[in-house]
């Protein structure tokens, strides 16, 4: 079969920085139009300016159902059909504002709620808002998980919020498969040049995480972006309901 050559509409949450922005660059190089969604308008506008007309910023807080609905309405009015949805929004809930309490249970409830809102709810709300807009056949839905979903994250909350995406993706793949839509998950390990650790990563911890890889290096955002780009391609049209590990083999251990 001949691969399609017409430009696609690609929606990327968390598209203003890090892996999301790297993915937007990949799709832009292929001639696709990207819609960049995120909480920080200035980051989105900066990214869109860099992509020189191939990207449209769409500020929204995807933890809020009304914001997700407004983003979906904007996309529907402007583009109609969504060819690729990349759920890249999320992050380390420990970097969000802390709750001022000495109660350990209240603190735990806050941490777990923040992580699930950032990493699970953002992906679920945007996907549900756009699922009827996905190109059929040929649509692609992609989620960003983490090696933490397999190995833990120290506190448990972040890892659990990423692991929750796996069964959701499997159920979605089963539901959307008859429409010719694929659904896959990418699970990175440590990735340099992102805001994930908020400057809190020590050199010692970084070296330890790199030493756990079989390739002896951290990933760059482009490593993850290129994997997402390939999974969204015509060549990957028969791959669905899979979790692709992009962590230099670190999940296997040395």
Foldseek 3Di string as FASTA:
>chain_A
DDFDLDAFEEEFEVCLFFLNVLLVVVSLVSVHAYEYEYQDQVSQVVSCVVSPPRYHYQYFQLLDLVRLLVSLVVCCVPPNAHQEYEYPWAAQLVPPDFDPDPDPVVRLVSSLVSLLSGAPSSLVSNCVSCVVRYDFARHEYEYEAALCLLVNDVSRRNNVSRVVVLVVQLVVQVVCVVRLYAGEYEYEYAEPRGCRCVPVDDPVNLQVLLVLAPVSDHHYSNQVSVVSVVCSTPVVSPDHSYYHYHYNCSSVGD
